[in-house]
Amino acid sequence: MTNEPQPPAASRTALAFRRLRPPQELEIIMGRQGPTALRGKTTTARILMAAGPYRASGEWWSGAAFSRDYWDVHASDGAVYRVHQDQQSGQWFLDGYYD
C-alpha cells in the first residue's frame, strides 16, 4: 500500500434558473445562425453563443394557444439568458437567467 495522493472527489455543480415574471420584452438581432445581440430594460449585450431553437406549443384546445421558440444564449456581459420569441406576434421576451 502506497501513500500516493488521491484525485479530488468529483464535485457537483448545478445551475439554478431565475425566472422573470412576467417575462421582459426584449429586442433581438438575428443572424444566419441565430441571435447575435440583445437589448432590454436592464441589459444590452452581444451574444457569444446560442443554443436553440427549442420549440414549444400548446393549449390549442383552450383558445389561449401559444407557440414559442426558446434559445439559451451566453451574452458578452457574462450572463446566460433564456429568451423566447412568440411565433404569433414575433415579439421577443427575456424569460430569465441561469445562476
Protein backbone atom coordinates (compact mmCIF):
# COMPACT_ATOMS: atom_id res chain seq x y z
CA MET A 1 0.00 0.00 0.00
CA THR A 2 1.37 3.38 -1.00
CA ASN A 3 0.59 6.88 0.15
CA GLU A 4 0.00 8.27 -3.32
CA PRO A 5 -2.20 11.34 -3.45
CA GLN A 6 -5.76 10.59 -4.46
CA PRO A 7 -7.53 12.68 -7.08
CA PRO A 8 -10.13 15.06 -5.61
CA ALA A 9 -13.66 13.73 -5.37
CA ALA A 10 -15.85 14.85 -8.24
CA SER A 11 -17.72 17.93 -7.17
CA ARG A 12 -21.23 18.53 -8.33
CA THR A 13 -22.17 21.85 -9.79
CA ALA A 14 -25.75 22.75 -10.51
CA LEU A 15 -27.22 25.77 -12.20
CA ALA A 16 -30.32 27.49 -10.92
CA PHE A 17 -32.71 29.21 -13.28
CA ARG A 18 -34.04 32.58 -12.10
CA ARG A 19 -37.34 33.12 -13.90
CA LEU A 20 -38.62 36.64 -14.53
CA ARG A 21 -42.36 37.03 -14.03
CA PRO A 22 -43.70 38.46 -16.19
CA PRO A 23 -41.05 37.98 -18.89
CA GLN A 24 -39.47 41.26 -20.02
CA GLU A 25 -39.85 42.50 -23.57
CA LEU A 26 -36.60 42.31 -25.46
CA GLU A 27 -35.13 43.31 -28.79
CA ILE A 28 -33.05 40.64 -30.55
CA ILE A 29 -30.89 40.96 -33.64
CA MET A 30 -30.88 37.72 -35.62
CA GLY A 31 -28.10 36.40 -37.83
CA ARG A 32 -27.92 33.34 -40.04
CA GLN A 33 -27.09 31.02 -37.15
CA GLY A 34 -29.43 32.58 -34.57
CA PRO A 35 -29.45 35.54 -32.17
CA THR A 36 -26.39 37.84 -32.31
CA ALA A 37 -27.31 40.69 -29.92
CA LEU A 38 -29.94 41.62 -27.36
CA ARG A 39 -31.24 44.80 -25.81
CA GLY A 40 -33.70 45.03 -22.94
CA LYS A 41 -34.60 47.26 -19.99
CA THR A 42 -31.63 46.15 -17.89
CA THR A 43 -29.05 44.86 -20.36
CA THR A 44 -27.52 45.31 -23.79
CA ALA A 45 -25.04 42.68 -24.96
CA ARG A 46 -23.59 40.79 -27.90
CA ILE A 47 -24.45 37.12 -27.95
CA LEU A 48 -21.31 34.98 -27.95
CA MET A 49 -23.01 31.58 -28.18
CA ALA A 50 -26.60 30.49 -28.72
CA ALA A 51 -28.34 27.11 -28.42
CA GLY A 52 -31.76 26.59 -29.92
CA PRO A 53 -34.36 26.99 -31.04
CA TYR A 54 -36.28 24.75 -28.70
CA ARG A 55 -39.86 24.85 -29.92
CA ALA A 56 -42.86 24.64 -27.63
CA SER A 57 -46.55 24.97 -28.34
CA GLY A 58 -49.77 24.01 -26.66
CA GLU A 59 -53.16 24.82 -25.25
CA TRP A 60 -54.64 24.92 -28.74
CA TRP A 61 -57.82 23.44 -27.31
CA SER A 62 -58.40 26.26 -24.81
CA GLY A 63 -58.37 29.31 -27.06
CA ALA A 64 -55.16 30.51 -25.35
CA ALA A 65 -52.81 28.72 -27.73
CA PHE A 66 -49.11 29.51 -27.70
CA SER A 67 -46.19 28.76 -29.99
CA ARG A 68 -42.68 29.80 -28.96
CA ASP A 69 -39.05 29.34 -29.97
CA TYR A 70 -36.73 29.27 -26.92
CA TRP A 71 -32.98 29.99 -27.01
CA ASP A 72 -30.30 29.79 -24.31
CA VAL A 73 -27.73 32.49 -25.01
CA HIS A 74 -24.34 33.32 -23.49
CA ALA A 75 -24.00 37.10 -23.62
CA SER A 76 -20.95 39.36 -23.60
CA ASP A 77 -21.99 40.68 -20.16
CA GLY A 78 -21.14 37.21 -18.77
CA ALA A 79 -24.70 36.05 -18.18
CA VAL A 80 -26.51 33.07 -19.69
CA TYR A 81 -30.08 34.00 -20.54
CA ARG A 82 -33.18 32.13 -21.69
CA VAL A 83 -35.11 34.10 -24.30
CA HIS A 84 -38.09 33.24 -26.45
CA GLN A 85 -39.88 34.54 -29.50
CA ASP A 86 -43.67 34.39 -29.59
CA GLN A 87 -44.37 32.90 -33.01
CA GLN A 88 -47.80 34.54 -33.24
CA SER A 89 -46.70 38.14 -32.58
CA GLY A 90 -42.98 37.90 -33.44
CA GLN A 91 -42.13 39.66 -30.13
CA TRP A 92 -39.07 38.55 -28.11
CA PHE A 93 -39.01 38.11 -24.33
CA LEU A 94 -36.39 37.56 -21.64
CA ASP A 95 -37.62 34.64 -19.51
CA GLY A 96 -34.77 34.62 -17.02
CA TYR A 97 -31.13 33.77 -16.45
CA TYR A 98 -29.01 30.93 -15.18
CA ASP A 99 -27.23 31.46 -11.89
